[in-house]
């Protein structure tokens, strides 16, 4: 579905060259410090089959940033359709979906130090201990098991459908799936799926709140008129405590975030909504209206609770990220690569 969408974007790419966008801040062409400051990595998908995916890095201490730090440092493109990034053991693991790989770079200088290849259509990378990680996948009907000592695939965990975000809690990993109505539980010792819970169709995003409850966002399905939904789950009891039905289906990139105190969730639904984890009903008013923007991702800065919202603009030209105070006031914007989608605060 997404590949067809991005192919259409590529067809109008030349037209987009005639369109200009306002730059709130000029790019910094100098070296940028990513070792001693608080910053954020922003993953930009790029146009499908154009191999122009990128990672933007923004330094909060001095507002310096680079729009394509991987290419600047390594003198080669990142690849085709970047999806997500995760930091582990002093390295950044950048998942490049349509290039079937994960690029590994040292955080000290963002220089390439390895590649995990042989993946089908990777989505998210989750370390489960010092030497092992799981990788979810769009098409393979499996979760890949990665040996982090030699960056190779050592096995797979069968899971029919399209696995998406994952979350580690104790010795269990919870896995979302955008082609089923379940979330799955993997025992990280045996690398087996041991249980599942029925939720809404197309689960794609999940967080643990301050009470240890698992929140799951489900996108629904436009073609079958299945609306999106939110679930609050008692993980220990494997029990759904509360269900919140949204009024429309969503896209699989319409995600959910949680604040530093883990008492408030934010979710995308043609705008950004804010809801306490103790709420008994969905909020009645939008927190941040979408307006003419195309919201394509969100995250909460764990240091100061500022809310970061990715704007894909038109899916063809370079995008931007707007960031807001916890009260919803627009604080500023960051220029990015094409189609910003994922964040990792560092």
C-alpha atoms as a PDB file:
ATOM      1  CA  UNK A   1       0.000   0.000   0.000  1.00  0.00           C
ATOM      2  CA  UNK A   2       2.720   2.476   1.030  1.00  0.00           C
ATOM      3  CA  UNK A   3       4.949   1.497  -1.888  1.00  0.00           C
ATOM      4  CA  UNK A   4       2.235   2.377  -4.414  1.00  0.00           C
ATOM      5  CA  UNK A   5       1.668   5.630  -2.583  1.00  0.00           C
ATOM      6  CA  UNK A   6       5.288   6.660  -2.705  1.00  0.00           C
ATOM      7  CA  UNK A   7       5.592   5.618  -6.360  1.00  0.00           C
ATOM      8  CA  UNK A   8       2.854   8.107  -7.177  1.00  0.00           C
ATOM      9  CA  UNK A   9       4.813  10.713  -5.240  1.00  0.00           C
ATOM     10  CA  UNK A  10       7.850  10.026  -7.368  1.00  0.00           C
ATOM     11  CA  UNK A  11       5.836  10.639 -10.536  1.00  0.00           C
ATOM     12  CA  UNK A  12       5.167  14.195  -9.466  1.00  0.00           C
ATOM     13  CA  UNK A  13       8.659  14.794  -8.166  1.00  0.00           C
ATOM     14  CA  UNK A  14       9.681  17.050 -11.063  1.00  0.00           C
ATOM     15  CA  UNK A  15       6.614  19.199 -10.556  1.00  0.00           C
ATOM     16  CA  UNK A  16       7.579  19.696  -6.946  1.00  0.00           C
ATOM     17  CA  UNK A  17      10.848  21.332  -7.981  1.00  0.00           C
ATOM     18  CA  UNK A  18       8.816  24.378  -8.922  1.00  0.00           C
ATOM     19  CA  UNK A  19       7.456  24.605  -5.393  1.00  0.00           C
ATOM     20  CA  UNK A  20       9.460  26.444  -2.764  1.00  0.00           C
ATOM     21  CA  UNK A  21       9.029  26.225   0.984  1.00  0.00           C
ATOM     22  CA  UNK A  22       9.921  28.725   3.634  1.00  0.00           C
ATOM     23  CA  UNK A  23      12.979  27.863   5.736  1.00  0.00           C
ATOM     24  CA  UNK A  24      12.553  28.882   9.349  1.00  0.00           C
ATOM     25  CA  UNK A  25      16.253  28.280  10.083  1.00  0.00           C
ATOM     26  CA  UNK A  26      19.158  27.867   7.665  1.00  0.00           C
ATOM     27  CA  UNK A  27      20.996  24.529   7.625  1.00  0.00           C
ATOM     28  CA  UNK A  28      24.334  24.350   9.413  1.00  0.00           C
ATOM     29  CA  UNK A  29      27.135  23.173   7.107  1.00  0.00           C
ATOM     30  CA  UNK A  30      29.730  22.975   9.866  1.00  0.00           C
ATOM     31  CA  UNK A  31      30.622  19.957  11.974  1.00  0.00           C
ATOM     32  CA  UNK A  32      27.995  19.261  14.593  1.00  0.00           C
ATOM     33  CA  UNK A  33      28.553  17.819  18.061  1.00  0.00           C
ATOM     34  CA  UNK A  34      26.451  14.742  18.814  1.00  0.00           C
ATOM     35  CA  UNK A  35      28.467  13.449  21.749  1.00  0.00           C
ATOM     36  CA  UNK A  36      28.098  15.994  24.543  1.00  0.00           C
ATOM     37  CA  UNK A  37      24.707  17.559  23.950  1.00  0.00           C
ATOM     38  CA  UNK A  38      21.035  16.753  24.084  1.00  0.00           C
ATOM     39  CA  UNK A  39      19.559  16.371  20.628  1.00  0.00           C
ATOM     40  CA  UNK A  40      17.157  14.449  18.433  1.00  0.00           C
ATOM     41  CA  UNK A  41      17.627  12.203  15.419  1.00  0.00           C
ATOM     42  CA  UNK A  42      14.809  12.603  12.907  1.00  0.00           C
ATOM     43  CA  UNK A  43      14.366   9.799  10.375  1.00  0.00           C
ATOM     44  CA  UNK A  44      13.189  10.890   6.926  1.00  0.00           C
ATOM     45  CA  UNK A  45      11.735   8.228   4.646  1.00  0.00           C
ATOM     46  CA  UNK A  46      12.573   9.915   1.346  1.00  0.00           C
ATOM     47  CA  UNK A  47      10.692   9.167  -1.879  1.00  0.00           C
ATOM     48  CA  UNK A  48      10.045   5.512  -2.646  1.00  0.00           C
ATOM     49  CA  UNK A  49      12.724   4.081  -4.997  1.00  0.00           C
ATOM     50  CA  UNK A  50      14.687   7.359  -5.105  1.00  0.00           C
ATOM     51  CA  UNK A  51      17.234   6.278  -2.461  1.00  0.00           C
ATOM     52  CA  UNK A  52      17.068   9.700  -0.810  1.00  0.00           C
ATOM     53  CA  UNK A  53      16.264   8.634   2.747  1.00  0.00           C
ATOM     54  CA  UNK A  54      18.119  10.618   5.394  1.00  0.00           C
ATOM     55  CA  UNK A  55      18.613  11.341   9.072  1.00  0.00           C
ATOM     56  CA  UNK A  56      18.409  14.897  10.379  1.00  0.00           C
ATOM     57  CA  UNK A  57      20.175  15.693  13.648  1.00  0.00           C
ATOM     58  CA  UNK A  58      19.165  18.696  15.764  1.00  0.00           C
ATOM     59  CA  UNK A  59      21.275  19.927  18.704  1.00  0.00           C
ATOM     60  CA  UNK A  60      19.114  21.478  21.427  1.00  0.00           C
ATOM     61  CA  UNK A  61      21.991  23.266  23.155  1.00  0.00           C
ATOM     62  CA  UNK A  62      22.797  25.599  20.245  1.00  0.00           C
ATOM     63  CA  UNK A  63      20.068  24.943  17.641  1.00  0.00           C
ATOM     64  CA  UNK A  64      22.608  23.575  15.126  1.00  0.00           C
ATOM     65  CA  UNK A  65      21.400  20.848  12.824  1.00  0.00           C
ATOM     66  CA  UNK A  66      22.277  18.789   9.772  1.00  0.00           C
ATOM     67  CA  UNK A  67      19.609  17.710   7.316  1.00  0.00           C
ATOM     68  CA  UNK A  68      21.470  14.576   6.133  1.00  0.00           C
ATOM     69  CA  UNK A  69      24.092  13.654   8.696  1.00  0.00           C
ATOM     70  CA  UNK A  70      24.618  10.103   7.376  1.00  0.00           C
ATOM     71  CA  UNK A  71      25.487  11.224   3.847  1.00  0.00           C
ATOM     72  CA  UNK A  72      27.586  14.145   5.090  1.00  0.00           C
ATOM     73  CA  UNK A  73      29.750  11.842   7.200  1.00  0.00           C
ATOM     74  CA  UNK A  74      29.876   8.705   5.045  1.00  0.00           C
ATOM     75  CA  UNK A  75      29.818  10.235   1.541  1.00  0.00           C
ATOM     76  CA  UNK A  76      27.077   7.909   0.303  1.00  0.00           C
ATOM     77  CA  UNK A  77      23.273   7.836   0.450  1.00  0.00           C
ATOM     78  CA  UNK A  78      21.564   6.141   3.365  1.00  0.00           C
ATOM     79  CA  UNK A  79      19.236   4.161   1.104  1.00  0.00           C
ATOM     80  CA  UNK A  80      15.606   3.758   0.097  1.00  0.00           C
ATOM     81  CA  UNK A  81      12.836   4.533   2.625  1.00  0.00           C
ATOM     82  CA  UNK A  82      14.258   4.904   6.128  1.00  0.00           C
ATOM     83  CA  UNK A  83      11.743   3.910   8.768  1.00  0.00           C
ATOM     84  CA  UNK A  84      13.147   4.214  12.298  1.00  0.00           C
ATOM     85  CA  UNK A  85      16.262   4.575  14.446  1.00  0.00           C
ATOM     86  CA  UNK A  86      17.285   3.133  17.803  1.00  0.00           C
ATOM     87  CA  UNK A  87      20.409   3.761  19.899  1.00  0.00           C
ATOM     88  CA  UNK A  88      22.092   0.866  21.695  1.00  0.00           C
ATOM     89  CA  UNK A  89      25.575   0.379  23.142  1.00  0.00           C
ATOM     90  CA  UNK A  90      26.929   3.632  21.708  1.00  0.00           C
ATOM     91  CA  UNK A  91      25.647   2.923  18.203  1.00  0.00           C
ATOM     92  CA  UNK A  92      22.671   4.091  16.159  1.00  0.00           C
ATOM     93  CA  UNK A  93      20.759   1.423  14.230  1.00  0.00           C
ATOM     94  CA  UNK A  94      18.953   3.002  11.270  1.00  0.00           C
ATOM     95  CA  UNK A  95      16.277   0.788   9.725  1.00  0.00           C
ATOM     96  CA  UNK A  96      16.080   1.273   5.933  1.00  0.00           C
ATOM     97  CA  UNK A  97      12.918  -0.460   4.837  1.00  0.00           C
ATOM     98  CA  UNK A  98      13.059  -0.745   1.055  1.00  0.00           C
ATOM     99  CA  UNK A  99      16.836  -1.268   1.027  1.00  0.00           C
ATOM    100  CA  UNK A 100      16.266  -4.377   3.198  1.00  0.00           C
ATOM    101  CA  UNK A 101      18.925  -3.418   5.721  1.00  0.00           C
ATOM    102  CA  UNK A 102      19.875  -1.726   8.974  1.00  0.00           C
ATOM    103  CA  UNK A 103      22.748   0.736   8.814  1.00  0.00           C
ATOM    104  CA  UNK A 104      24.877   0.925  11.969  1.00  0.00           C
ATOM    105  CA  UNK A 105      26.866   4.044  12.856  1.00  0.00           C
ATOM    106  CA  UNK A 106      29.036   5.089  15.782  1.00  0.00           C
ATOM    107  CA  UNK A 107      27.472   7.835  17.856  1.00  0.00           C
ATOM    108  CA  UNK A 108      30.842   9.476  18.369  1.00  0.00           C
ATOM    109  CA  UNK A 109      31.034  10.622  14.745  1.00  0.00           C
ATOM    110  CA  UNK A 110      28.095   8.951  12.903  1.00  0.00           C
ATOM    111  CA  UNK A 111      30.577   6.990  10.783  1.00  0.00           C
ATOM    112  CA  UNK A 112      29.363   3.678   9.398  1.00  0.00           C
ATOM    113  CA  UNK A 113      30.556   0.666  11.395  1.00  0.00           C
ATOM    114  CA  UNK A 114      28.386  -2.126  10.028  1.00  0.00           C
ATOM    115  CA  UNK A 115      25.291  -3.237   8.156  1.00  0.00           C
ATOM    116  CA  UNK A 116      22.679  -5.864   8.995  1.00  0.00           C
ATOM    117  CA  UNK A 117      21.600  -7.224   5.611  1.00  0.00           C
ATOM    118  CA  UNK A 118      19.323  -9.996   4.376  1.00  0.00           C
ATOM    119  CA  UNK A 119      16.129  -8.531   5.831  1.00  0.00           C
ATOM    120  CA  UNK A 120      12.925  -8.483   3.779  1.00  0.00           C
ATOM    121  CA  UNK A 121      11.212  -5.209   4.674  1.00  0.00           C
ATOM    122  CA  UNK A 122      12.361  -4.147   8.172  1.00  0.00           C
ATOM    123  CA  UNK A 123      10.375  -1.682  10.246  1.00  0.00           C
ATOM    124  CA  UNK A 124      11.643  -1.403  13.857  1.00  0.00           C
ATOM    125  CA  UNK A 125      14.759  -2.540  15.724  1.00  0.00           C
ATOM    126  CA  UNK A 126      14.478  -3.490  19.410  1.00  0.00           C
ATOM    127  CA  UNK A 127      17.456  -4.556  21.563  1.00  0.00           C
ATOM    128  CA  UNK A 128      16.368  -7.215  24.060  1.00  0.00           C
ATOM    129  CA  UNK A 129      19.743  -7.621  25.784  1.00  0.00           C
ATOM    130  CA  UNK A 130      23.379  -6.667  25.227  1.00  0.00           C
ATOM    131  CA  UNK A 131      23.881  -9.115  22.363  1.00  0.00           C
ATOM    132  CA  UNK A 132      20.442  -9.734  20.850  1.00  0.00           C
ATOM    133  CA  UNK A 133      17.778  -7.691  19.075  1.00  0.00           C
ATOM    134  CA  UNK A 134      14.487  -8.243  17.282  1.00  0.00           C
ATOM    135  CA  UNK A 135      13.475  -6.610  13.994  1.00  0.00           C
ATOM    136  CA  UNK A 136       9.840  -6.328  12.923  1.00  0.00           C
ATOM    137  CA  UNK A 137       8.953  -6.671   9.259  1.00  0.00           C
ATOM    138  CA  UNK A 138       6.309  -5.519   6.799  1.00  0.00           C
ATOM    139  CA  UNK A 139       6.200  -8.528   4.476  1.00  0.00           C
ATOM    140  CA  UNK A 140       8.187 -11.494   5.797  1.00  0.00           C
ATOM    141  CA  UNK A 141       5.606 -12.930   8.258  1.00  0.00           C
ATOM    142  CA  UNK A 142       8.521 -13.204  10.685  1.00  0.00           C
ATOM    143  CA  UNK A 143      10.401 -11.229  13.320  1.00  0.00           C
ATOM    144  CA  UNK A 144      14.143 -11.499  12.751  1.00  0.00           C
ATOM    145  CA  UNK A 145      16.529 -12.354  15.596  1.00  0.00           C
ATOM    146  CA  UNK A 146      19.808 -10.429  15.369  1.00  0.00           C
ATOM    147  CA  UNK A 147      23.159 -11.331  16.923  1.00  0.00           C
ATOM    148  CA  UNK A 148      24.596  -7.920  17.821  1.00  0.00           C
ATOM    149  CA  UNK A 149      28.117  -9.311  18.200  1.00  0.00           C
ATOM    150  CA  UNK A 150      28.432 -10.011  14.481  1.00  0.00           C
ATOM    151  CA  UNK A 151      25.360  -8.200  13.073  1.00  0.00           C
ATOM    152  CA  UNK A 152      23.820 -11.293  11.508  1.00  0.00           C
ATOM    153  CA  UNK A 153      20.362 -12.854  11.444  1.00  0.00           C
ATOM    154  CA  UNK A 154      20.462 -15.970  13.605  1.00  0.00           C
ATOM    155  CA  UNK A 155      16.824 -16.981  13.373  1.00  0.00           C
ATOM    156  CA  UNK A 156      13.216 -15.891  12.960  1.00  0.00           C
ATOM    157  CA  UNK A 157      10.048 -15.878  15.042  1.00  0.00           C
ATOM    158  CA  UNK A 158       6.992 -16.680  12.881  1.00  0.00           C
ATOM    159  CA  UNK A 159       4.292 -14.021  13.147  1.00  0.00           C
ATOM    160  CA  UNK A 160       1.813 -13.835  10.286  1.00  0.00           C
ATOM    161  CA  UNK A 161       1.021 -10.330   9.065  1.00  0.00           C
ATOM    162  CA  UNK A 162       2.985  -7.084   9.217  1.00  0.00           C
ATOM    163  CA  UNK A 163       4.762  -6.571  12.532  1.00  0.00           C
ATOM    164  CA  UNK A 164       5.328  -2.978  13.599  1.00  0.00           C
ATOM    165  CA  UNK A 165       6.389  -1.334  16.893  1.00  0.00           C
ATOM    166  CA  UNK A 166       7.674  -3.502  19.755  1.00  0.00           C
ATOM    167  CA  UNK A 167       8.137  -2.892  23.480  1.00  0.00           C
ATOM    168  CA  UNK A 168      10.298  -4.742  26.023  1.00  0.00           C
ATOM    169  CA  UNK A 169       8.893  -5.370  29.499  1.00  0.00           C
ATOM    170  CA  UNK A 170      10.865  -7.704  31.780  1.00  0.00           C
ATOM    171  CA  UNK A 171      11.468 -10.873  29.732  1.00  0.00           C
ATOM    172  CA  UNK A 172       8.575 -10.256  27.358  1.00  0.00           C
ATOM    173  CA  UNK A 173       8.421  -8.288  24.132  1.00  0.00           C
ATOM    174  CA  UNK A 174       5.020  -7.008  23.044  1.00  0.00           C
ATOM    175  CA  UNK A 175       4.608  -6.844  19.252  1.00  0.00           C
ATOM    176  CA  UNK A 176       2.034  -4.906  17.245  1.00  0.00           C
ATOM    177  CA  UNK A 177       0.724  -6.124  13.896  1.00  0.00           C
ATOM    178  CA  UNK A 178      -0.975  -4.038  11.207  1.00  0.00           C
ATOM    179  CA  UNK A 179      -2.592  -7.028   9.481  1.00  0.00           C
ATOM    180  CA  UNK A 180      -4.294  -8.683  12.461  1.00  0.00           C
ATOM    181  CA  UNK A 181      -6.429  -7.759  15.465  1.00  0.00           C
ATOM    182  CA  UNK A 182      -3.909  -8.933  18.073  1.00  0.00           C
ATOM    183  CA  UNK A 183      -0.779  -7.939  19.929  1.00  0.00           C
ATOM    184  CA  UNK A 184       1.676 -10.750  20.560  1.00  0.00           C
ATOM    185  CA  UNK A 185       3.978 -11.632  23.461  1.00  0.00           C
ATOM    186  CA  UNK A 186       7.454 -13.050  22.835  1.00  0.00           C
ATOM    187  CA  UNK A 187       9.463 -14.805  25.529  1.00  0.00           C
ATOM    188  CA  UNK A 188      12.938 -13.329  25.028  1.00  0.00           C
ATOM    189  CA  UNK A 189      14.618 -16.358  26.591  1.00  0.00           C
ATOM    190  CA  UNK A 190      13.078 -18.920  24.236  1.00  0.00           C
ATOM    191  CA  UNK A 191      12.396 -16.545  21.294  1.00  0.00           C
ATOM    192  CA  UNK A 192       8.850 -17.915  20.967  1.00  0.00           C
ATOM    193  CA  UNK A 193       5.454 -16.241  20.842  1.00  0.00           C
ATOM    194  CA  UNK A 194       3.783 -17.451  24.020  1.00  0.00           C
ATOM    195  CA  UNK A 195       0.540 -15.485  24.101  1.00  0.00           C
ATOM    196  CA  UNK A 196      -1.599 -12.831  22.392  1.00  0.00           C
ATOM    197  CA  UNK A 197      -4.387 -10.409  23.238  1.00  0.00           C
ATOM    198  CA  UNK A 198      -7.191  -9.421  20.902  1.00  0.00           C
ATOM    199  CA  UNK A 199      -7.347  -5.678  20.292  1.00  0.00           C
ATOM    200  CA  UNK A 200      -8.531  -3.564  17.380  1.00  0.00           C
ATOM    201  CA  UNK A 201      -7.412  -4.179  13.809  1.00  0.00           C
ATOM    202  CA  UNK A 202      -3.939  -2.963  12.769  1.00  0.00           C
ATOM    203  CA  UNK A 203      -2.153  -2.293  16.058  1.00  0.00           C
ATOM    204  CA  UNK A 204       0.852  -0.077  15.343  1.00  0.00           C
ATOM    205  CA  UNK A 205       1.987   1.845  18.428  1.00  0.00           C
ATOM    206  CA  UNK A 206       2.362   1.100  22.134  1.00  0.00           C
ATOM    207  CA  UNK A 207       3.560   2.586  25.450  1.00  0.00           C
ATOM    208  CA  UNK A 208       3.614   1.710  29.156  1.00  0.00           C
ATOM    209  CA  UNK A 209       2.054   4.259  31.512  1.00  0.00           C
ATOM    210  CA  UNK A 210       2.995   5.161  35.108  1.00  0.00           C
ATOM    211  CA  UNK A 211       0.736   2.399  36.428  1.00  0.00           C
ATOM    212  CA  UNK A 212       2.406  -0.279  34.334  1.00  0.00           C
ATOM    213  CA  UNK A 213      -0.560  -0.443  31.982  1.00  0.00           C
ATOM    214  CA  UNK A 214       0.057  -1.050  28.300  1.00  0.00           C
ATOM    215  CA  UNK A 215      -1.505   1.371  25.836  1.00  0.00           C
ATOM    216  CA  UNK A 216      -2.002   0.157  22.265  1.00  0.00           C
ATOM    217  CA  UNK A 217      -3.112   2.216  19.294  1.00  0.00           C
ATOM    218  CA  UNK A 218      -4.833   0.439  16.398  1.00  0.00           C
ATOM    219  CA  UNK A 219      -5.218   2.122  13.010  1.00  0.00           C
ATOM    220  CA  UNK A 220      -8.264   0.213  11.785  1.00  0.00           C
ATOM    221  CA  UNK A 221      -8.860  -0.404   8.088  1.00  0.00           C
ATOM    222  CA  UNK A 222     -10.283   2.042   5.533  1.00  0.00           C
ATOM    223  CA  UNK A 223     -11.189  -0.630   2.959  1.00  0.00           C
ATOM    224  CA  UNK A 224     -13.285  -2.564   5.490  1.00  0.00           C
ATOM    225  CA  UNK A 225     -14.664   0.488   7.350  1.00  0.00           C
ATOM    226  CA  UNK A 226     -12.961  -0.466  10.620  1.00  0.00           C
ATOM    227  CA  UNK A 227     -12.340   2.579  12.788  1.00  0.00           C
ATOM    228  CA  UNK A 228      -9.193   3.164  14.809  1.00  0.00           C
ATOM    229  CA  UNK A 229      -9.104   2.418  18.531  1.00  0.00           C
ATOM    230  CA  UNK A 230      -7.071   2.729  21.724  1.00  0.00           C
ATOM    231  CA  UNK A 231      -6.663  -0.006  24.321  1.00  0.00           C
ATOM    232  CA  UNK A 232      -5.487   0.001  27.929  1.00  0.00           C
ATOM    233  CA  UNK A 233      -4.209  -3.420  28.986  1.00  0.00           C
ATOM    234  CA  UNK A 234      -3.192  -5.032  32.262  1.00  0.00           C
ATOM    235  CA  UNK A 235      -0.059  -6.830  31.042  1.00  0.00           C
ATOM    236  CA  UNK A 236       0.300  -9.071  34.087  1.00  0.00           C
ATOM    237  CA  UNK A 237      -3.259 -10.362  33.709  1.00  0.00           C
ATOM    238  CA  UNK A 238      -3.250 -10.223  29.887  1.00  0.00           C
ATOM    239  CA  UNK A 239      -6.552  -8.375  30.230  1.00  0.00           C
ATOM    240  CA  UNK A 240      -8.051  -5.450  28.292  1.00  0.00           C
ATOM    241  CA  UNK A 241      -9.170  -2.917  30.904  1.00  0.00           C
ATOM    242  CA  UNK A 242     -10.657  -0.273  28.630  1.00  0.00           C
ATOM    243  CA  UNK A 243     -11.356   0.321  24.957  1.00  0.00           C
ATOM    244  CA  UNK A 244     -11.673   3.715  23.268  1.00  0.00           C
ATOM    245  CA  UNK A 245     -13.232   3.749  19.793  1.00  0.00           C
ATOM    246  CA  UNK A 246     -12.181   6.551  17.451  1.00  0.00           C
ATOM    247  CA  UNK A 247     -14.492   7.921  14.780  1.00  0.00           C
ATOM    248  CA  UNK A 248     -12.376   7.115  11.705  1.00  0.00           C
ATOM    249  CA  UNK A 249      -9.762   4.713  10.369  1.00  0.00           C
ATOM    250  CA  UNK A 250      -6.155   5.964  10.403  1.00  0.00           C
ATOM    251  CA  UNK A 251      -2.889   5.305   8.577  1.00  0.00           C
ATOM    252  CA  UNK A 252      -0.287   2.923  10.002  1.00  0.00           C
ATOM    253  CA  UNK A 253       2.036   5.917  10.529  1.00  0.00           C
ATOM    254  CA  UNK A 254      -0.560   7.670  12.723  1.00  0.00           C
ATOM    255  CA  UNK A 255       1.099   6.914  16.041  1.00  0.00           C
ATOM    256  CA  UNK A 256       0.836   7.566  19.764  1.00  0.00           C
ATOM    257  CA  UNK A 257       3.261   9.207  22.209  1.00  0.00           C
ATOM    258  CA  UNK A 258       3.540   9.487  25.985  1.00  0.00           C
ATOM    259  CA  UNK A 259       4.907  12.253  28.219  1.00  0.00           C
ATOM    260  CA  UNK A 260       7.810  12.043  30.677  1.00  0.00           C
ATOM    261  CA  UNK A 261       5.552  11.407  33.669  1.00  0.00           C
ATOM    262  CA  UNK A 262       3.777   8.625  31.748  1.00  0.00           C
ATOM    263  CA  UNK A 263       0.421  10.010  32.791  1.00  0.00           C
ATOM    264  CA  UNK A 264      -0.629  11.547  29.466  1.00  0.00           C
ATOM    265  CA  UNK A 265      -0.850  10.123  25.974  1.00  0.00           C
ATOM    266  CA  UNK A 266      -0.889  11.991  22.667  1.00  0.00           C
ATOM    267  CA  UNK A 267      -2.310  10.394  19.552  1.00  0.00           C
ATOM    268  CA  UNK A 268      -2.703  11.313  15.894  1.00  0.00           C
ATOM    269  CA  UNK A 269      -6.180  11.472  14.361  1.00  0.00           C
ATOM    270  CA  UNK A 270      -6.335  14.234  11.731  1.00  0.00           C
ATOM    271  CA  UNK A 271      -4.632  16.375  14.336  1.00  0.00           C
ATOM    272  CA  UNK A 272      -3.047  15.685  17.723  1.00  0.00           C
ATOM    273  CA  UNK A 273      -5.178  14.770  20.731  1.00  0.00           C
ATOM    274  CA  UNK A 274      -4.111  14.702  24.386  1.00  0.00           C
ATOM    275  CA  UNK A 275      -5.614  12.396  27.010  1.00  0.00           C
ATOM    276  CA  UNK A 276      -4.768  11.519  30.645  1.00  0.00           C
ATOM    277  CA  UNK A 277      -4.166   7.802  31.203  1.00  0.00           C
ATOM    278  CA  UNK A 278      -6.893   7.947  33.869  1.00  0.00           C
ATOM    279  CA  UNK A 279      -9.509   9.195  31.400  1.00  0.00           C
ATOM    280  CA  UNK A 280     -12.770   7.313  31.004  1.00  0.00           C
ATOM    281  CA  UNK A 281     -13.552   8.804  27.589  1.00  0.00           C
ATOM    282  CA  UNK A 282     -11.760  10.278  24.593  1.00  0.00           C
ATOM    283  CA  UNK A 283     -11.091  14.038  24.584  1.00  0.00           C
ATOM    284  CA  UNK A 284     -13.751  16.146  22.915  1.00  0.00           C
ATOM    285  CA  UNK A 285     -11.428  18.730  21.354  1.00  0.00           C
ATOM    286  CA  UNK A 286      -8.285  18.522  19.279  1.00  0.00           C
ATOM    287  CA  UNK A 287      -5.102  19.575  21.103  1.00  0.00           C
ATOM    288  CA  UNK A 288      -3.085  20.617  18.015  1.00  0.00           C
ATOM    289  CA  UNK A 289      -5.102  21.075  14.809  1.00  0.00           C
ATOM    290  CA  UNK A 290      -3.579  19.672  11.633  1.00  0.00           C
ATOM    291  CA  UNK A 291      -4.751  22.503   9.397  1.00  0.00           C
ATOM    292  CA  UNK A 292      -3.090  22.347   5.977  1.00  0.00           C
ATOM    293  CA  UNK A 293      -0.163  20.263   7.286  1.00  0.00           C
ATOM    294  CA  UNK A 294       0.226  16.522   6.748  1.00  0.00           C
ATOM    295  CA  UNK A 295       1.093  15.052  10.145  1.00  0.00           C
ATOM    296  CA  UNK A 296       3.245  11.958   9.688  1.00  0.00           C
ATOM    297  CA  UNK A 297       4.745  11.177  13.106  1.00  0.00           C
ATOM    298  CA  UNK A 298       4.983  12.375  16.692  1.00  0.00           C
ATOM    299  CA  UNK A 299       7.129  11.948  19.780  1.00  0.00           C
ATOM    300  CA  UNK A 300       7.600  13.593  23.182  1.00  0.00           C
ATOM    301  CA  UNK A 301      10.999  14.915  24.257  1.00  0.00           C
ATOM    302  CA  UNK A 302      11.731  12.951  27.474  1.00  0.00           C
ATOM    303  CA  UNK A 303      13.742  15.839  28.937  1.00  0.00           C
ATOM    304  CA  UNK A 304      11.179  18.648  28.877  1.00  0.00           C
ATOM    305  CA  UNK A 305       7.911  17.209  27.524  1.00  0.00           C
ATOM    306  CA  UNK A 306       7.962  19.247  24.318  1.00  0.00           C
ATOM    307  CA  UNK A 307       5.869  17.571  21.636  1.00  0.00           C
ATOM    308  CA  UNK A 308       7.478  16.961  18.226  1.00  0.00           C
ATOM    309  CA  UNK A 309       5.187  16.577  15.214  1.00  0.00           C
ATOM    310  CA  UNK A 310       6.441  15.591  11.755  1.00  0.00           C
ATOM    311  CA  UNK A 311       4.928  17.387   8.758  1.00  0.00           C
ATOM    312  CA  UNK A 312       5.369  15.586   5.421  1.00  0.00           C
ATOM    313  CA  UNK A 313       4.250  18.803   3.602  1.00  0.00           C
ATOM    314  CA  UNK A 314       3.317  17.101   0.305  1.00  0.00           C
ATOM    315  CA  UNK A 315       5.254  13.799   0.498  1.00  0.00           C
ATOM    316  CA  UNK A 316       7.587  15.035  -2.255  1.00  0.00           C
ATOM    317  CA  UNK A 317       9.543  18.096  -1.173  1.00  0.00           C
ATOM    318  CA  UNK A 318      11.504  18.352   2.077  1.00  0.00           C
ATOM    319  CA  UNK A 319       9.426  18.254   5.233  1.00  0.00           C
ATOM    320  CA  UNK A 320       9.698  19.854   8.644  1.00  0.00           C
ATOM    321  CA  UNK A 321       9.117  19.134  12.310  1.00  0.00           C
ATOM    322  CA  UNK A 322       7.178  21.529  14.506  1.00  0.00           C
ATOM    323  CA  UNK A 323       7.705  21.365  18.245  1.00  0.00           C
ATOM    324  CA  UNK A 324       5.252  22.521  20.885  1.00  0.00           C
ATOM    325  CA  UNK A 325       5.206  23.186  24.611  1.00  0.00           C
ATOM    326  CA  UNK A 326       3.322  20.792  26.856  1.00  0.00           C
ATOM    327  CA  UNK A 327       0.513  23.333  26.728  1.00  0.00           C
ATOM    328  CA  UNK A 328       0.328  23.217  22.927  1.00  0.00           C
ATOM    329  CA  UNK A 329       2.136  26.473  22.067  1.00  0.00           C
ATOM    330  CA  UNK A 330       4.237  26.322  18.905  1.00  0.00           C
ATOM    331  CA  UNK A 331       7.869  26.884  19.916  1.00  0.00           C
ATOM    332  CA  UNK A 332       9.688  26.421  16.628  1.00  0.00           C
ATOM    333  CA  UNK A 333      10.340  24.345  13.523  1.00  0.00           C
ATOM    334  CA  UNK A 334      13.179  22.181  12.213  1.00  0.00           C
ATOM    335  CA  UNK A 335      13.815  21.673   8.514  1.00  0.00           C
ATOM    336  CA  UNK A 336      14.207  17.992   7.616  1.00  0.00           C
ATOM    337  CA  UNK A 337      14.612  15.666   4.689  1.00  0.00           C
ATOM    338  CA  UNK A 338      11.719  14.256   2.686  1.00  0.00           C
ATOM    339  CA  UNK A 339       8.860  12.705   4.724  1.00  0.00           C
ATOM    340  CA  UNK A 340      10.006  12.868   8.370  1.00  0.00           C
ATOM    341  CA  UNK A 341       8.513   9.939  10.268  1.00  0.00           C
ATOM    342  CA  UNK A 342      10.456   8.820  13.362  1.00  0.00           C
ATOM    343  CA  UNK A 343      12.389  10.332  16.285  1.00  0.00           C
ATOM    344  CA  UNK A 344      15.020   9.294  18.775  1.00  0.00           C
ATOM    345  CA  UNK A 345      16.011  11.728  21.539  1.00  0.00           C
ATOM    346  CA  UNK A 346      19.624  11.515  22.658  1.00  0.00           C
END
